[in-house]
Amino acid sequence: QVQLVESGGGLVQPGGSLRLSCAASGLTFSEYVMRWYRQAPGKERELVASITSGSGITNYADSVKGRFTISRDRDNTKNTVYLQMNSLKPEDTAEYYCNLERIPYWYGMVYWGKGTLVTVSS
């Protein structure tokens, strides 16, 4: 059973930084994409960033480009993905969720973590 565990959320002042981690366990496959989503109160869940397990291709939402960086553990053996968040703004406040989807997508294997709360406030 695949499990995703997020950590690293908390309270930070505007302009500050946080690093989120997402550790995946129970994987029986090596090709997947990992994503960070976020959901603010009263808003829909939105995709923040993604990274593929093999080539390490990354993508970002326009709202976080230049401020957030998604990365994976160096030797890709820990199945851990990070989200470095810099220059945080109050509008970044949200529950952040880790998502993993097996590649190719037709497997239909999608997993979610329980989320970690990020609050940006002075």
PDB file of N, CA and C in Angstrom:
ATOM      1  N   GLN A   1       0.844  -1.178   0.000  1.00  0.00           N
ATOM      2  CA  GLN A   1       0.000   0.000   0.000  1.00  0.00           C
ATOM      3  C   GLN A   1       0.890   1.242   0.000  1.00  0.00           C
ATOM      4  N   VAL A   2       0.689   2.085  -0.996  1.00  0.00           N
ATOM      5  CA  VAL A   2       1.468   3.315  -1.086  1.00  0.00           C
ATOM      6  C   VAL A   2       0.975   4.313  -0.047  1.00  0.00           C
ATOM      7  N   GLN A   3       1.908   4.890   0.656  1.00  0.00           N
ATOM      8  CA  GLN A   3       1.579   5.932   1.626  1.00  0.00           C
ATOM      9  C   GLN A   3       2.442   7.157   1.372  1.00  0.00           C
ATOM     10  N   LEU A   4       1.838   8.318   1.515  1.00  0.00           N
ATOM     11  CA  LEU A   4       2.546   9.584   1.372  1.00  0.00           C
ATOM     12  C   LEU A   4       2.419  10.338   2.681  1.00  0.00           C
ATOM     13  N   VAL A   5       3.534  10.809   3.197  1.00  0.00           N
ATOM     14  CA  VAL A   5       3.526  11.544   4.455  1.00  0.00           C
ATOM     15  C   VAL A   5       4.209  12.886   4.239  1.00  0.00           C
ATOM     16  N   GLU A   6       3.442  13.955   4.438  1.00  0.00           N
ATOM     17  CA  GLU A   6       3.978  15.301   4.302  1.00  0.00           C
ATOM     18  C   GLU A   6       4.467  15.807   5.655  1.00  0.00           C
ATOM     19  N   SER A   7       5.427  16.715   5.608  1.00  0.00           N
ATOM     20  CA  SER A   7       5.903  17.383   6.814  1.00  0.00           C
ATOM     21  C   SER A   7       6.493  18.724   6.430  1.00  0.00           C
ATOM     22  N   GLY A   8       6.694  19.561   7.438  1.00  0.00           N
ATOM     23  CA  GLY A   8       7.373  20.828   7.205  1.00  0.00           C
ATOM     24  C   GLY A   8       6.495  22.061   7.229  1.00  0.00           C
ATOM     25  N   GLY A   9       5.197  21.876   7.348  1.00  0.00           N
ATOM     26  CA  GLY A   9       4.322  23.037   7.393  1.00  0.00           C
ATOM     27  C   GLY A   9       4.463  23.797   8.699  1.00  0.00           C
ATOM     28  N   GLY A  10       3.854  24.964   8.743  1.00  0.00           N
ATOM     29  CA  GLY A  10       3.910  25.771   9.960  1.00  0.00           C
ATOM     30  C   GLY A  10       3.530  27.201   9.696  1.00  0.00           C
ATOM     31  N   LEU A  11       3.806  28.027  10.689  1.00  0.00           N
ATOM     32  CA  LEU A  11       3.515  29.458  10.612  1.00  0.00           C
ATOM     33  C   LEU A  11       4.793  30.199  10.245  1.00  0.00           C
ATOM     34  N   VAL A  12       4.692  31.064   9.268  1.00  0.00           N
ATOM     35  CA  VAL A  12       5.857  31.832   8.833  1.00  0.00           C
ATOM     36  C   VAL A  12       5.402  33.249   8.491  1.00  0.00           C
ATOM     37  N   GLN A  13       6.279  34.207   8.675  1.00  0.00           N
ATOM     38  CA  GLN A  13       5.951  35.587   8.350  1.00  0.00           C
ATOM     39  C   GLN A  13       6.072  35.829   6.848  1.00  0.00           C
ATOM     40  N   PRO A  14       5.346  36.807   6.333  1.00  0.00           N
ATOM     41  CA  PRO A  14       5.492  37.152   4.909  1.00  0.00           C
ATOM     42  C   PRO A  14       6.955  37.436   4.567  1.00  0.00           C
ATOM     43  N   GLY A  15       7.377  36.901   3.425  1.00  0.00           N
ATOM     44  CA  GLY A  15       8.769  37.031   3.012  1.00  0.00           C
ATOM     45  C   GLY A  15       9.651  35.908   3.496  1.00  0.00           C
ATOM     46  N   GLY A  16       9.141  35.081   4.371  1.00  0.00           N
ATOM     47  CA  GLY A  16       9.909  33.979   4.923  1.00  0.00           C
ATOM     48  C   GLY A  16       9.921  32.752   4.026  1.00  0.00           C
ATOM     49  N   SER A  17      10.541  31.691   4.555  1.00  0.00           N
ATOM     50  CA  SER A  17      10.698  30.459   3.789  1.00  0.00           C
ATOM     51  C   SER A  17      10.274  29.247   4.607  1.00  0.00           C
ATOM     52  N   LEU A  18       9.867  28.223   3.901  1.00  0.00           N
ATOM     53  CA  LEU A  18       9.577  26.923   4.491  1.00  0.00           C
ATOM     54  C   LEU A  18       9.969  25.859   3.474  1.00  0.00           C
ATOM     55  N   ARG A  19      10.312  24.685   3.977  1.00  0.00           N
ATOM     56  CA  ARG A  19      10.554  23.553   3.099  1.00  0.00           C
ATOM     57  C   ARG A  19       9.643  22.411   3.502  1.00  0.00           C
ATOM     58  N   LEU A  20       8.809  22.002   2.558  1.00  0.00           N
ATOM     59  CA  LEU A  20       7.933  20.862   2.771  1.00  0.00           C
ATOM     60  C   LEU A  20       8.598  19.593   2.247  1.00  0.00           C
ATOM     61  N   SER A  21       8.301  18.483   2.895  1.00  0.00           N
ATOM     62  CA  SER A  21       8.794  17.190   2.447  1.00  0.00           C
ATOM     63  C   SER A  21       7.625  16.241   2.261  1.00  0.00           C
ATOM     64  N   CYS A  22       7.773  15.334   1.319  1.00  0.00           N
ATOM     65  CA  CYS A  22       6.778  14.289   1.107  1.00  0.00           C
ATOM     66  C   CYS A  22       7.524  12.980   0.900  1.00  0.00           C
ATOM     67  N   ALA A  23       7.344  12.063   1.824  1.00  0.00           N
ATOM     68  CA  ALA A  23       8.011  10.771   1.750  1.00  0.00           C
ATOM     69  C   ALA A  23       7.014   9.714   1.306  1.00  0.00           C
ATOM     70  N   ALA A  24       7.360   8.997   0.255  1.00  0.00           N
ATOM     71  CA  ALA A  24       6.508   7.935  -0.265  1.00  0.00           C
ATOM     72  C   ALA A  24       7.064   6.581   0.160  1.00  0.00           C
ATOM     73  N   SER A  25       6.181   5.707   0.607  1.00  0.00           N
ATOM     74  CA  SER A  25       6.580   4.355   0.979  1.00  0.00           C
ATOM     75  C   SER A  25       5.622   3.349   0.352  1.00  0.00           C
ATOM     76  N   GLY A  26       6.073   2.094   0.299  1.00  0.00           N
ATOM     77  CA  GLY A  26       5.232   1.044  -0.250  1.00  0.00           C
ATOM     78  C   GLY A  26       5.172   1.018  -1.767  1.00  0.00           C
ATOM     79  N   LEU A  27       6.109   1.745  -2.422  1.00  0.00           N
ATOM     80  CA  LEU A  27       6.087   1.765  -3.886  1.00  0.00           C
ATOM     81  C   LEU A  27       6.573   0.435  -4.456  1.00  0.00           C
ATOM     82  N   THR A  28       5.855  -0.034  -5.474  1.00  0.00           N
ATOM     83  CA  THR A  28       6.262  -1.248  -6.184  1.00  0.00           C
ATOM     84  C   THR A  28       6.576  -0.931  -7.642  1.00  0.00           C
ATOM     85  N   PHE A  29       6.698   0.357  -7.946  1.00  0.00           N
ATOM     86  CA  PHE A  29       7.012   0.790  -9.303  1.00  0.00           C
ATOM     87  C   PHE A  29       7.961   1.975  -9.196  1.00  0.00           C
ATOM     88  N   SER A  30       8.672   2.247 -10.286  1.00  0.00           N
ATOM     89  CA  SER A  30       9.711   3.278 -10.211  1.00  0.00           C
ATOM     90  C   SER A  30       9.411   4.509 -11.056  1.00  0.00           C
ATOM     91  N   GLU A  31       8.419   4.427 -11.931  1.00  0.00           N
ATOM     92  CA  GLU A  31       8.096   5.568 -12.785  1.00  0.00           C
ATOM     93  C   GLU A  31       6.816   6.233 -12.292  1.00  0.00           C
ATOM     94  N   TYR A  32       6.939   7.479 -11.899  1.00  0.00           N
ATOM     95  CA  TYR A  32       5.776   8.191 -11.376  1.00  0.00           C
ATOM     96  C   TYR A  32       6.031   9.695 -11.439  1.00  0.00           C
ATOM     97  N   VAL A  33       4.994  10.432 -11.233  1.00  0.00           N
ATOM     98  CA  VAL A  33       5.112  11.882 -11.064  1.00  0.00           C
ATOM     99  C   VAL A  33       4.615  12.223  -9.665  1.00  0.00           C
ATOM    100  N   MET A  34       5.323  13.101  -9.010  1.00  0.00           N
ATOM    101  CA  MET A  34       4.893  13.590  -7.693  1.00  0.00           C
ATOM    102  C   MET A  34       4.536  15.051  -7.814  1.00  0.00           C
ATOM    103  N   ARG A  35       3.464  15.422  -7.170  1.00  0.00           N
ATOM    104  CA  ARG A  35       2.954  16.784  -7.268  1.00  0.00           C
ATOM    105  C   ARG A  35       2.650  17.355  -5.886  1.00  0.00           C
ATOM    106  N   TRP A  36       2.720  18.648  -5.797  1.00  0.00           N
ATOM    107  CA  TRP A  36       2.210  19.380  -4.642  1.00  0.00           C
ATOM    108  C   TRP A  36       0.985  20.163  -5.089  1.00  0.00           C
ATOM    109  N   TYR A  37      -0.092  19.972  -4.359  1.00  0.00           N
ATOM    110  CA  TYR A  37      -1.301  20.752  -4.532  1.00  0.00           C
ATOM    111  C   TYR A  37      -1.491  21.581  -3.265  1.00  0.00           C
ATOM    112  N   ARG A  38      -2.325  22.585  -3.358  1.00  0.00           N
ATOM    113  CA  ARG A  38      -2.709  23.323  -2.162  1.00  0.00           C
ATOM    114  C   ARG A  38      -4.178  23.708  -2.257  1.00  0.00           C
ATOM    115  N   GLN A  39      -4.763  23.872  -1.101  1.00  0.00           N
ATOM    116  CA  GLN A  39      -6.163  24.285  -1.035  1.00  0.00           C
ATOM    117  C   GLN A  39      -6.330  25.277   0.097  1.00  0.00           C
ATOM    118  N   ALA A  40      -6.700  26.474  -0.271  1.00  0.00           N
ATOM    119  CA  ALA A  40      -6.964  27.515   0.711  1.00  0.00           C
ATOM    120  C   ALA A  40      -8.431  27.448   1.116  1.00  0.00           C
ATOM    121  N   PRO A  41      -8.757  27.951   2.291  1.00  0.00           N
ATOM    122  CA  PRO A  41     -10.160  27.916   2.751  1.00  0.00           C
ATOM    123  C   PRO A  41     -11.093  28.562   1.743  1.00  0.00           C
ATOM    124  N   GLY A  42     -12.145  27.833   1.387  1.00  0.00           N
ATOM    125  CA  GLY A  42     -13.133  28.369   0.465  1.00  0.00           C
ATOM    126  C   GLY A  42     -12.733  28.357  -0.992  1.00  0.00           C
ATOM    127  N   LYS A  43     -11.575  27.788  -1.292  1.00  0.00           N
ATOM    128  CA  LYS A  43     -11.104  27.757  -2.675  1.00  0.00           C
ATOM    129  C   LYS A  43     -10.906  26.317  -3.140  1.00  0.00           C
ATOM    130  N   GLU A  44     -10.808  26.160  -4.463  1.00  0.00           N
ATOM    131  CA  GLU A  44     -10.561  24.843  -5.018  1.00  0.00           C
ATOM    132  C   GLU A  44      -9.090  24.470  -4.872  1.00  0.00           C
ATOM    133  N   ARG A  45      -8.864  23.164  -4.869  1.00  0.00           N
ATOM    134  CA  ARG A  45      -7.498  22.680  -4.812  1.00  0.00           C
ATOM    135  C   ARG A  45      -6.788  23.027  -6.120  1.00  0.00           C
ATOM    136  N   GLU A  46      -5.550  23.522  -6.010  1.00  0.00           N
ATOM    137  CA  GLU A  46      -4.806  23.890  -7.196  1.00  0.00           C
ATOM    138  C   GLU A  46      -3.444  23.212  -7.217  1.00  0.00           C
ATOM    139  N   LEU A  47      -2.991  22.912  -8.424  1.00  0.00           N
ATOM    140  CA  LEU A  47      -1.685  22.304  -8.607  1.00  0.00           C
ATOM    141  C   LEU A  47      -0.603  23.374  -8.446  1.00  0.00           C
ATOM    142  N   VAL A  48       0.382  23.079  -7.630  1.00  0.00           N
ATOM    143  CA  VAL A  48       1.461  24.024  -7.354  1.00  0.00           C
ATOM    144  C   VAL A  48       2.710  23.681  -8.158  1.00  0.00           C
ATOM    145  N   ALA A  49       3.124  22.416  -8.092  1.00  0.00           N
ATOM    146  CA  ALA A  49       4.351  22.007  -8.774  1.00  0.00           C
ATOM    147  C   ALA A  49       4.357  20.501  -8.951  1.00  0.00           C
ATOM    148  N   SER A  50       5.162  20.031  -9.919  1.00  0.00           N
ATOM    149  CA  SER A  50       5.269  18.599 -10.140  1.00  0.00           C
ATOM    150  C   SER A  50       6.682  18.254 -10.582  1.00  0.00           C
ATOM    151  N   ILE A  51       7.042  16.974 -10.371  1.00  0.00           N
ATOM    152  CA  ILE A  51       8.348  16.482 -10.792  1.00  0.00           C
ATOM    153  C   ILE A  51       8.228  15.008 -11.126  1.00  0.00           C
ATOM    154  N   THR A  52       8.898  14.580 -12.199  1.00  0.00           N
ATOM    155  CA  THR A  52       8.852  13.174 -12.583  1.00  0.00           C
ATOM    156  C   THR A  52      10.006  12.427 -11.925  1.00  0.00           C
ATOM    157  N   SER A  53       9.786  11.149 -11.680  1.00  0.00           N
ATOM    158  CA  SER A  53      10.783  10.353 -10.960  1.00  0.00           C
ATOM    159  C   SER A  53      12.010  10.073 -11.806  1.00  0.00           C
ATOM    160  N   GLY A  54      11.813   9.877 -13.097  1.00  0.00           N
ATOM    161  CA  GLY A  54      12.937   9.492 -13.940  1.00  0.00           C
ATOM    162  C   GLY A  54      13.772  10.667 -14.382  1.00  0.00           C
ATOM    163  N   SER A  55      13.216  11.465 -15.249  1.00  0.00           N
ATOM    164  CA  SER A  55      13.967  12.579 -15.837  1.00  0.00           C
ATOM    165  C   SER A  55      14.027  13.801 -14.939  1.00  0.00           C
ATOM    166  N   GLY A  56      13.191  13.865 -13.933  1.00  0.00           N
ATOM    167  CA  GLY A  56      13.202  15.016 -13.036  1.00  0.00           C
ATOM    168  C   GLY A  56      12.630  16.275 -13.654  1.00  0.00           C
ATOM    169  N   ILE A  57      11.776  16.126 -14.648  1.00  0.00           N
ATOM    170  CA  ILE A  57      11.157  17.291 -15.279  1.00  0.00           C
ATOM    171  C   ILE A  57      10.212  17.959 -14.287  1.00  0.00           C
ATOM    172  N   THR A  58      10.309  19.275 -14.194  1.00  0.00           N
ATOM    173  CA  THR A  58       9.491  20.014 -13.241  1.00  0.00           C
ATOM    174  C   THR A  58       8.535  20.971 -13.953  1.00  0.00           C
ATOM    175  N   ASN A  59       7.445  21.258 -13.280  1.00  0.00           N
ATOM    176  CA  ASN A  59       6.483  22.249 -13.751  1.00  0.00           C
ATOM    177  C   ASN A  59       5.935  22.996 -12.557  1.00  0.00           C
ATOM    178  N   TYR A  60       5.582  24.263 -12.784  1.00  0.00           N
ATOM    179  CA  TYR A  60       5.103  25.117 -11.703  1.00  0.00           C
ATOM    180  C   TYR A  60       3.882  25.916 -12.127  1.00  0.00           C
ATOM    181  N   ALA A  61       3.042  26.197 -11.148  1.00  0.00           N
ATOM    182  CA  ALA A  61       1.965  27.145 -11.374  1.00  0.00           C
ATOM    183  C   ALA A  61       2.578  28.538 -11.531  1.00  0.00           C
ATOM    184  N   ASP A  62       1.943  29.365 -12.347  1.00  0.00           N
ATOM    185  CA  ASP A  62       2.469  30.710 -12.567  1.00  0.00           C
ATOM    186  C   ASP A  62       2.594  31.488 -11.258  1.00  0.00           C
ATOM    187  N   SER A  63       1.690  31.233 -10.337  1.00  0.00           N
ATOM    188  CA  SER A  63       1.656  31.984  -9.090  1.00  0.00           C
ATOM    189  C   SER A  63       2.866  31.723  -8.190  1.00  0.00           C
ATOM    190  N   VAL A  64       3.604  30.643  -8.448  1.00  0.00           N
ATOM    191  CA  VAL A  64       4.740  30.308  -7.573  1.00  0.00           C
ATOM    192  C   VAL A  64       6.073  30.289  -8.312  1.00  0.00           C
ATOM    193  N   LYS A  65       6.050  30.481  -9.625  1.00  0.00           N
ATOM    194  CA  LYS A  65       7.297  30.455 -10.400  1.00  0.00           C
ATOM    195  C   LYS A  65       8.273  31.503  -9.875  1.00  0.00           C
ATOM    196  N   GLY A  66       9.508  31.079  -9.713  1.00  0.00           N
ATOM    197  CA  GLY A  66      10.538  31.980  -9.210  1.00  0.00           C
ATOM    198  C   GLY A  66      10.606  32.050  -7.697  1.00  0.00           C
ATOM    199  N   ARG A  67       9.602  31.497  -7.016  1.00  0.00           N
ATOM    200  CA  ARG A  67       9.596  31.517  -5.541  1.00  0.00           C
ATOM    201  C   ARG A  67       9.683  30.112  -4.955  1.00  0.00           C
ATOM    202  N   PHE A  68       9.044  29.151  -5.614  1.00  0.00           N
ATOM    203  CA  PHE A  68       9.019  27.771  -5.123  1.00  0.00           C
ATOM    204  C   PHE A  68       9.902  26.892  -6.001  1.00  0.00           C
ATOM    205  N   THR A  69      10.518  25.902  -5.376  1.00  0.00           N
ATOM    206  CA  THR A  69      11.327  24.932  -6.110  1.00  0.00           C
ATOM    207  C   THR A  69      10.983  23.536  -5.632  1.00  0.00           C
ATOM    208  N   ILE A  70      10.625  22.675  -6.582  1.00  0.00           N
ATOM    209  CA  ILE A  70      10.360  21.283  -6.257  1.00  0.00           C
ATOM    210  C   ILE A  70      11.597  20.473  -6.603  1.00  0.00           C
ATOM    211  N   SER A  71      11.951  19.531  -5.743  1.00  0.00           N
ATOM    212  CA  SER A  71      13.126  18.707  -5.992  1.00  0.00           C
ATOM    213  C   SER A  71      12.912  17.337  -5.370  1.00  0.00           C
ATOM    214  N   ARG A  72      13.826  16.434  -5.693  1.00  0.00           N
ATOM    215  CA  ARG A  72      13.737  15.087  -5.150  1.00  0.00           C
ATOM    216  C   ARG A  72      15.056  14.761  -4.472  1.00  0.00           C
ATOM    217  N   ASP A  73      15.072  13.708  -3.686  1.00  0.00           N
ATOM    218  CA  ASP A  73      16.323  13.336  -3.019  1.00  0.00           C
ATOM    219  C   ASP A  73      17.356  13.001  -4.084  1.00  0.00           C
ATOM    220  N   ARG A  74      18.593  13.258  -3.789  1.00  0.00           N
ATOM    221  CA  ARG A  74      19.670  13.271  -4.784  1.00  0.00           C
ATOM    222  C   ARG A  74      19.790  11.971  -5.562  1.00  0.00           C
ATOM    223  N   ASP A  75      19.736  10.841  -4.835  1.00  0.00           N
ATOM    224  CA  ASP A  75      19.923   9.577  -5.539  1.00  0.00           C
ATOM    225  C   ASP A  75      18.600   8.899  -5.842  1.00  0.00           C
ATOM    226  N   ASN A  76      17.507   9.615  -5.569  1.00  0.00           N
ATOM    227  CA  ASN A  76      16.165   9.140  -5.909  1.00  0.00           C
ATOM    228  C   ASN A  76      15.864   7.765  -5.335  1.00  0.00           C
ATOM    229  N   THR A  77      16.462   7.444  -4.202  1.00  0.00           N
ATOM    230  CA  THR A  77      16.180   6.145  -3.586  1.00  0.00           C
ATOM    231  C   THR A  77      15.245   6.266  -2.395  1.00  0.00           C
ATOM    232  N   LYS A  78      15.133   7.487  -1.859  1.00  0.00           N
ATOM    233  CA  LYS A  78      14.292   7.670  -0.688  1.00  0.00           C
ATOM    234  C   LYS A  78      12.857   7.990  -1.067  1.00  0.00           C
ATOM    235  N   ASN A  79      12.611   8.149  -2.364  1.00  0.00           N
ATOM    236  CA  ASN A  79      11.265   8.488  -2.824  1.00  0.00           C
ATOM    237  C   ASN A  79      10.697   9.666  -2.054  1.00  0.00           C
ATOM    238  N   THR A  80      11.511  10.659  -1.871  1.00  0.00           N
ATOM    239  CA  THR A  80      11.108  11.854  -1.148  1.00  0.00           C
ATOM    240  C   THR A  80      11.200  13.063  -2.063  1.00  0.00           C
ATOM    241  N   VAL A  81      10.182  13.886  -1.988  1.00  0.00           N
ATOM    242  CA  VAL A  81      10.149  15.115  -2.776  1.00  0.00           C
ATOM    243  C   VAL A  81      10.032  16.296  -1.824  1.00  0.00           C
ATOM    244  N   TYR A  82      10.660  17.379  -2.203  1.00  0.00           N
ATOM    245  CA  TYR A  82      10.672  18.570  -1.378  1.00  0.00           C
ATOM    246  C   TYR A  82      10.045  19.740  -2.129  1.00  0.00           C
ATOM    247  N   LEU A  83       9.498  20.654  -1.379  1.00  0.00           N
ATOM    248  CA  LEU A  83       9.026  21.906  -1.957  1.00  0.00           C
ATOM    249  C   LEU A  83       9.634  23.032  -1.139  1.00  0.00           C
ATOM    250  N   GLN A  84      10.633  23.685  -1.702  1.00  0.00           N
ATOM    251  CA  GLN A  84      11.239  24.845  -1.060  1.00  0.00           C
ATOM    252  C   GLN A  84      10.423  26.072  -1.424  1.00  0.00           C
ATOM    253  N   MET A  85       9.902  26.743  -0.415  1.00  0.00           N
ATOM    254  CA  MET A  85       9.036  27.898  -0.635  1.00  0.00           C
ATOM    255  C   MET A  85       9.712  29.133  -0.068  1.00  0.00           C
ATOM    256  N   ASN A  86      10.046  30.057  -0.939  1.00  0.00           N
ATOM    257  CA  ASN A  86      10.682  31.305  -0.531  1.00  0.00           C
ATOM    258  C   ASN A  86       9.763  32.486  -0.829  1.00  0.00           C
ATOM    259  N   SER A  87      10.100  33.610  -0.244  1.00  0.00           N
ATOM    260  CA  SER A  87       9.316  34.841  -0.457  1.00  0.00           C
ATOM    261  C   SER A  87       7.827  34.575  -0.292  1.00  0.00           C
ATOM    262  N   LEU A  88       7.483  33.928   0.785  1.00  0.00           N
ATOM    263  CA  LEU A  88       6.094  33.538   1.003  1.00  0.00           C
ATOM    264  C   LEU A  88       5.195  34.744   1.199  1.00  0.00           C
ATOM    265  N   LYS A  89       3.978  34.589   0.690  1.00  0.00           N
ATOM    266  CA  LYS A  89       2.982  35.651   0.760  1.00  0.00           C
ATOM    267  C   LYS A  89       1.765  35.143   1.531  1.00  0.00           C
ATOM    268  N   PRO A  90       0.984  36.045   2.088  1.00  0.00           N
ATOM    269  CA  PRO A  90      -0.232  35.594   2.787  1.00  0.00           C
ATOM    270  C   PRO A  90      -1.136  34.728   1.898  1.00  0.00           C
ATOM    271  N   GLU A  91      -1.150  34.992   0.613  1.00  0.00           N
ATOM    272  CA  GLU A  91      -2.005  34.202  -0.280  1.00  0.00           C
ATOM    273  C   GLU A  91      -1.469  32.795  -0.523  1.00  0.00           C
ATOM    274  N   ASP A  92      -0.290  32.486  -0.010  1.00  0.00           N
ATOM    275  CA  ASP A  92       0.225  31.117  -0.063  1.00  0.00           C
ATOM    276  C   ASP A  92      -0.333  30.261   1.072  1.00  0.00           C
ATOM    277  N   THR A  93      -1.041  30.896   1.984  1.00  0.00           N
ATOM    278  CA  THR A  93      -1.637  30.156   3.095  1.00  0.00           C
ATOM    279  C   THR A  93      -2.622  29.119   2.573  1.00  0.00           C
ATOM    280  N   ALA A  94      -2.405  27.878   2.955  1.00  0.00           N
ATOM    281  CA  ALA A  94      -3.238  26.782   2.456  1.00  0.00           C
ATOM    282  C   ALA A  94      -2.812  25.472   3.097  1.00  0.00           C
ATOM    283  N   GLU A  95      -3.644  24.472   2.916  1.00  0.00           N
ATOM    284  CA  GLU A  95      -3.237  23.107   3.231  1.00  0.00           C
ATOM    285  C   GLU A  95      -2.523  22.592   1.984  1.00  0.00           C
ATOM    286  N   TYR A  96      -1.315  22.070   2.172  1.00  0.00           N
ATOM    287  CA  TYR A  96      -0.526  21.569   1.049  1.00  0.00           C
ATOM    288  C   TYR A  96      -0.563  20.042   1.056  1.00  0.00           C
ATOM    289  N   TYR A  97      -0.895  19.496  -0.101  1.00  0.00           N
ATOM    290  CA  TYR A  97      -1.044  18.053  -0.240  1.00  0.00           C
ATOM    291  C   TYR A  97      -0.045  17.501  -1.240  1.00  0.00           C
ATOM    292  N   CYS A  98       0.505  16.353  -0.895  1.00  0.00           N
ATOM    293  CA  CYS A  98       1.382  15.626  -1.805  1.00  0.00           C
ATOM    294  C   CYS A  98       0.538  14.612  -2.590  1.00  0.00           C
ATOM    295  N   ASN A  99       0.870  14.467  -3.841  1.00  0.00           N
ATOM    296  CA  ASN A  99       0.141  13.560  -4.737  1.00  0.00           C
ATOM    297  C   ASN A  99       1.153  12.759  -5.537  1.00  0.00           C
ATOM    298  N   LEU A 100       0.876  11.497  -5.740  1.00  0.00           N
ATOM    299  CA  LEU A 100       1.743  10.639  -6.564  1.00  0.00           C
ATOM    300  C   LEU A 100       0.880   9.879  -7.552  1.00  0.00           C
ATOM    301  N   GLU A 101       1.297   9.878  -8.801  1.00  0.00           N
ATOM    302  CA  GLU A 101       0.571   9.142  -9.839  1.00  0.00           C
ATOM    303  C   GLU A 101       1.552   8.302 -10.636  1.00  0.00           C
ATOM    304  N   ARG A 102       1.215   7.049 -10.782  1.00  0.00           N
ATOM    305  CA  ARG A 102       2.080   6.146 -11.537  1.00  0.00           C
ATOM    306  C   ARG A 102       2.065   6.514 -13.018  1.00  0.00           C
ATOM    307  N   ILE A 103       3.218   6.390 -13.633  1.00  0.00           N
ATOM    308  CA  ILE A 103       3.345   6.606 -15.072  1.00  0.00           C
ATOM    309  C   ILE A 103       3.538   5.239 -15.728  1.00  0.00           C
ATOM    310  N   PRO A 104       2.872   4.924 -16.854  1.00  0.00           N
ATOM    311  CA  PRO A 104       1.921   5.785 -17.565  1.00  0.00           C
ATOM    312  C   PRO A 104       0.593   5.927 -16.833  1.00  0.00           C
ATOM    313  N   TYR A 105      -0.095   7.014 -17.110  1.00  0.00           N
ATOM    314  CA  TYR A 105      -1.286   7.383 -16.360  1.00  0.00           C
ATOM    315  C   TYR A 105      -2.428   6.394 -16.512  1.00  0.00           C
ATOM    316  N   TRP A 106      -2.398   5.567 -17.565  1.00  0.00           N
ATOM    317  CA  TRP A 106      -3.531   4.657 -17.762  1.00  0.00           C
ATOM    318  C   TRP A 106      -3.613   3.590 -16.666  1.00  0.00           C
ATOM    319  N   TYR A 107      -2.584   3.481 -15.834  1.00  0.00           N
ATOM    320  CA  TYR A 107      -2.685   2.588 -14.676  1.00  0.00           C
ATOM    321  C   TYR A 107      -3.775   3.058 -13.717  1.00  0.00           C
ATOM    322  N   GLY A 108      -4.010   4.375 -13.709  1.00  0.00           N
ATOM    323  CA  GLY A 108      -5.034   4.911 -12.825  1.00  0.00           C
ATOM    324  C   GLY A 108      -4.684   4.805 -11.350  1.00  0.00           C
ATOM    325  N   MET A 109      -3.377   4.780 -11.055  1.00  0.00           N
ATOM    326  CA  MET A 109      -2.946   4.640  -9.657  1.00  0.00           C
ATOM    327  C   MET A 109      -2.531   6.015  -9.142  1.00  0.00           C
ATOM    328  N   VAL A 110      -3.379   6.588  -8.318  1.00  0.00           N
ATOM    329  CA  VAL A 110      -3.173   7.933  -7.789  1.00  0.00           C
ATOM    330  C   VAL A 110      -3.285   7.883  -6.269  1.00  0.00           C
ATOM    331  N   TYR A 111      -2.353   8.539  -5.600  1.00  0.00           N
ATOM    332  CA  TYR A 111      -2.313   8.516  -4.144  1.00  0.00           C
ATOM    333  C   TYR A 111      -2.169   9.935  -3.596  1.00  0.00           C
ATOM    334  N   TRP A 112      -2.712  10.117  -2.398  1.00  0.00           N
ATOM    335  CA  TRP A 112      -2.681  11.431  -1.757  1.00  0.00           C
ATOM    336  C   TRP A 112      -2.178  11.317  -0.327  1.00  0.00           C
ATOM    337  N   GLY A 113      -1.472  12.329   0.100  1.00  0.00           N
ATOM    338  CA  GLY A 113      -1.138  12.463   1.505  1.00  0.00           C
ATOM    339  C   GLY A 113      -2.262  13.177   2.236  1.00  0.00           C
ATOM    340  N   LYS A 114      -2.086  13.321   3.548  1.00  0.00           N
ATOM    341  CA  LYS A 114      -3.145  13.920   4.368  1.00  0.00           C
ATOM    342  C   LYS A 114      -3.020  15.437   4.464  1.00  0.00           C
ATOM    343  N   GLY A 115      -1.885  15.959   4.022  1.00  0.00           N
ATOM    344  CA  GLY A 115      -1.718  17.401   3.995  1.00  0.00           C
ATOM    345  C   GLY A 115      -0.922  17.952   5.148  1.00  0.00           C
ATOM    346  N   THR A 116      -0.348  19.122   4.904  1.00  0.00           N
ATOM    347  CA  THR A 116       0.357  19.867   5.941  1.00  0.00           C
ATOM    348  C   THR A 116      -0.011  21.331   5.778  1.00  0.00           C
ATOM    349  N   LEU A 117      -0.298  21.993   6.887  1.00  0.00           N
ATOM    350  CA  LEU A 117      -0.809  23.352   6.848  1.00  0.00           C
ATOM    351  C   LEU A 117       0.324  24.368   6.826  1.00  0.00           C
ATOM    352  N   VAL A 118       0.226  25.290   5.879  1.00  0.00           N
ATOM    353  CA  VAL A 118       1.153  26.420   5.796  1.00  0.00           C
ATOM    354  C   VAL A 118       0.359  27.695   6.031  1.00  0.00           C
ATOM    355  N   THR A 119       0.802  28.470   7.006  1.00  0.00           N
ATOM    356  CA  THR A 119       0.147  29.732   7.320  1.00  0.00           C
ATOM    357  C   THR A 119       1.174  30.849   7.208  1.00  0.00           C
ATOM    358  N   VAL A 120       0.886  31.806   6.349  1.00  0.00           N
ATOM    359  CA  VAL A 120       1.774  32.949   6.163  1.00  0.00           C
ATOM    360  C   VAL A 120       1.078  34.174   6.739  1.00  0.00           C
ATOM    361  N   SER A 121       1.611  34.646   7.849  1.00  0.00           N
ATOM    362  CA  SER A 121       0.953  35.743   8.545  1.00  0.00           C
ATOM    363  C   SER A 121       1.942  36.447   9.453  1.00  0.00           C
ATOM    364  N   SER A 122       1.726  37.742   9.614  1.00  0.00           N
ATOM    365  CA  SER A 122       2.573  38.500  10.536  1.00  0.00           C
ATOM    366  C   SER A 122       1.914  38.585  11.902  1.00  0.00           C
TER     367      SER A 122
END
